[in-house]
């Protein structure tokens, strides 16, 4: 698998997992998004991990 395919796969996987956990947790517990710092951490992790992977992966 090429580096680009690995980068895209890992980027979308981590994003969908972290934001998916936020969606499931807020629906199950019936809480708003801004009620927990852990939800903000998952949100930021899902958004910024692409930058970290890009810095790690040298094309």
C-alpha atoms as a PDB file:
ATOM      1  CA  UNK A   1       0.000   0.000   0.000  1.00  0.00           C
ATOM      2  CA  UNK A   2       1.347   3.385  -0.902  1.00  0.00           C
ATOM      3  CA  UNK A   3       2.099   6.034   1.707  1.00  0.00           C
ATOM      4  CA  UNK A   4      -0.788   8.180   0.512  1.00  0.00           C
ATOM      5  CA  UNK A   5      -3.290   5.337   0.896  1.00  0.00           C
ATOM      6  CA  UNK A   6      -1.975   4.555   4.379  1.00  0.00           C
ATOM      7  CA  UNK A   7      -2.206   8.221   5.336  1.00  0.00           C
ATOM      8  CA  UNK A   8      -5.762   8.592   4.051  1.00  0.00           C
ATOM      9  CA  UNK A   9      -6.914   5.340   5.637  1.00  0.00           C
ATOM     10  CA  UNK A  10      -5.477   6.192   9.036  1.00  0.00           C
ATOM     11  CA  UNK A  11      -6.722   9.785   8.877  1.00  0.00           C
ATOM     12  CA  UNK A  12     -10.306   8.866   8.102  1.00  0.00           C
ATOM     13  CA  UNK A  13     -10.280   5.917  10.503  1.00  0.00           C
ATOM     14  CA  UNK A  14      -9.153   7.979  13.483  1.00  0.00           C
ATOM     15  CA  UNK A  15     -11.525  10.816  12.584  1.00  0.00           C
ATOM     16  CA  UNK A  16     -14.550   8.540  12.245  1.00  0.00           C
ATOM     17  CA  UNK A  17     -13.699   6.657  15.424  1.00  0.00           C
ATOM     18  CA  UNK A  18     -13.178   9.715  17.596  1.00  0.00           C
ATOM     19  CA  UNK A  19     -16.161  11.676  16.271  1.00  0.00           C
ATOM     20  CA  UNK A  20     -18.261   8.515  16.245  1.00  0.00           C
ATOM     21  CA  UNK A  21     -17.519   7.964  19.922  1.00  0.00           C
ATOM     22  CA  UNK A  22     -18.664  11.516  20.607  1.00  0.00           C
ATOM     23  CA  UNK A  23     -21.911  10.975  18.700  1.00  0.00           C
ATOM     24  CA  UNK A  24     -22.679   7.658  20.392  1.00  0.00           C
ATOM     25  CA  UNK A  25     -21.808   8.894  23.876  1.00  0.00           C
ATOM     26  CA  UNK A  26     -23.909  12.030  23.624  1.00  0.00           C
ATOM     27  CA  UNK A  27     -26.873  10.066  22.296  1.00  0.00           C
ATOM     28  CA  UNK A  28     -26.687   7.278  24.880  1.00  0.00           C
ATOM     29  CA  UNK A  29     -26.142   9.556  27.875  1.00  0.00           C
ATOM     30  CA  UNK A  30     -28.450  12.257  26.435  1.00  0.00           C
ATOM     31  CA  UNK A  31     -26.000  15.036  27.256  1.00  0.00           C
ATOM     32  CA  UNK A  32     -24.962  18.090  25.240  1.00  0.00           C
ATOM     33  CA  UNK A  33     -21.606  18.145  23.502  1.00  0.00           C
ATOM     34  CA  UNK A  34     -20.073  20.883  25.642  1.00  0.00           C
ATOM     35  CA  UNK A  35     -20.742  19.194  28.964  1.00  0.00           C
ATOM     36  CA  UNK A  36     -17.468  17.297  29.239  1.00  0.00           C
ATOM     37  CA  UNK A  37     -13.818  18.111  28.619  1.00  0.00           C
ATOM     38  CA  UNK A  38     -13.278  14.548  27.356  1.00  0.00           C
ATOM     39  CA  UNK A  39     -15.634  15.229  24.454  1.00  0.00           C
ATOM     40  CA  UNK A  40     -13.612  18.303  23.500  1.00  0.00           C
ATOM     41  CA  UNK A  41     -10.413  16.253  23.631  1.00  0.00           C
ATOM     42  CA  UNK A  42     -11.892  13.623  21.307  1.00  0.00           C
ATOM     43  CA  UNK A  43     -13.114  16.356  18.965  1.00  0.00           C
ATOM     44  CA  UNK A  44      -9.712  18.017  18.790  1.00  0.00           C
ATOM     45  CA  UNK A  45      -7.969  14.654  18.408  1.00  0.00           C
ATOM     46  CA  UNK A  46     -10.226  13.800  15.488  1.00  0.00           C
ATOM     47  CA  UNK A  47      -9.518  17.099  13.798  1.00  0.00           C
ATOM     48  CA  UNK A  48      -5.808  17.539  14.390  1.00  0.00           C
ATOM     49  CA  UNK A  49      -4.592  13.980  14.004  1.00  0.00           C
ATOM     50  CA  UNK A  50      -4.341  14.491  10.235  1.00  0.00           C
ATOM     51  CA  UNK A  51      -1.680  17.140  10.813  1.00  0.00           C
ATOM     52  CA  UNK A  52       0.270  14.899  13.173  1.00  0.00           C
ATOM     53  CA  UNK A  53       0.122  12.001  10.724  1.00  0.00           C
ATOM     54  CA  UNK A  54       1.232  14.268   7.901  1.00  0.00           C
ATOM     55  CA  UNK A  55       4.248  15.439   9.900  1.00  0.00           C
ATOM     56  CA  UNK A  56       5.117  11.838  10.726  1.00  0.00           C
ATOM     57  CA  UNK A  57       4.663  10.528   7.195  1.00  0.00           C
ATOM     58  CA  UNK A  58       7.207  12.012   4.828  1.00  0.00           C
ATOM     59  CA  UNK A  59       5.982  11.797   1.236  1.00  0.00           C
END
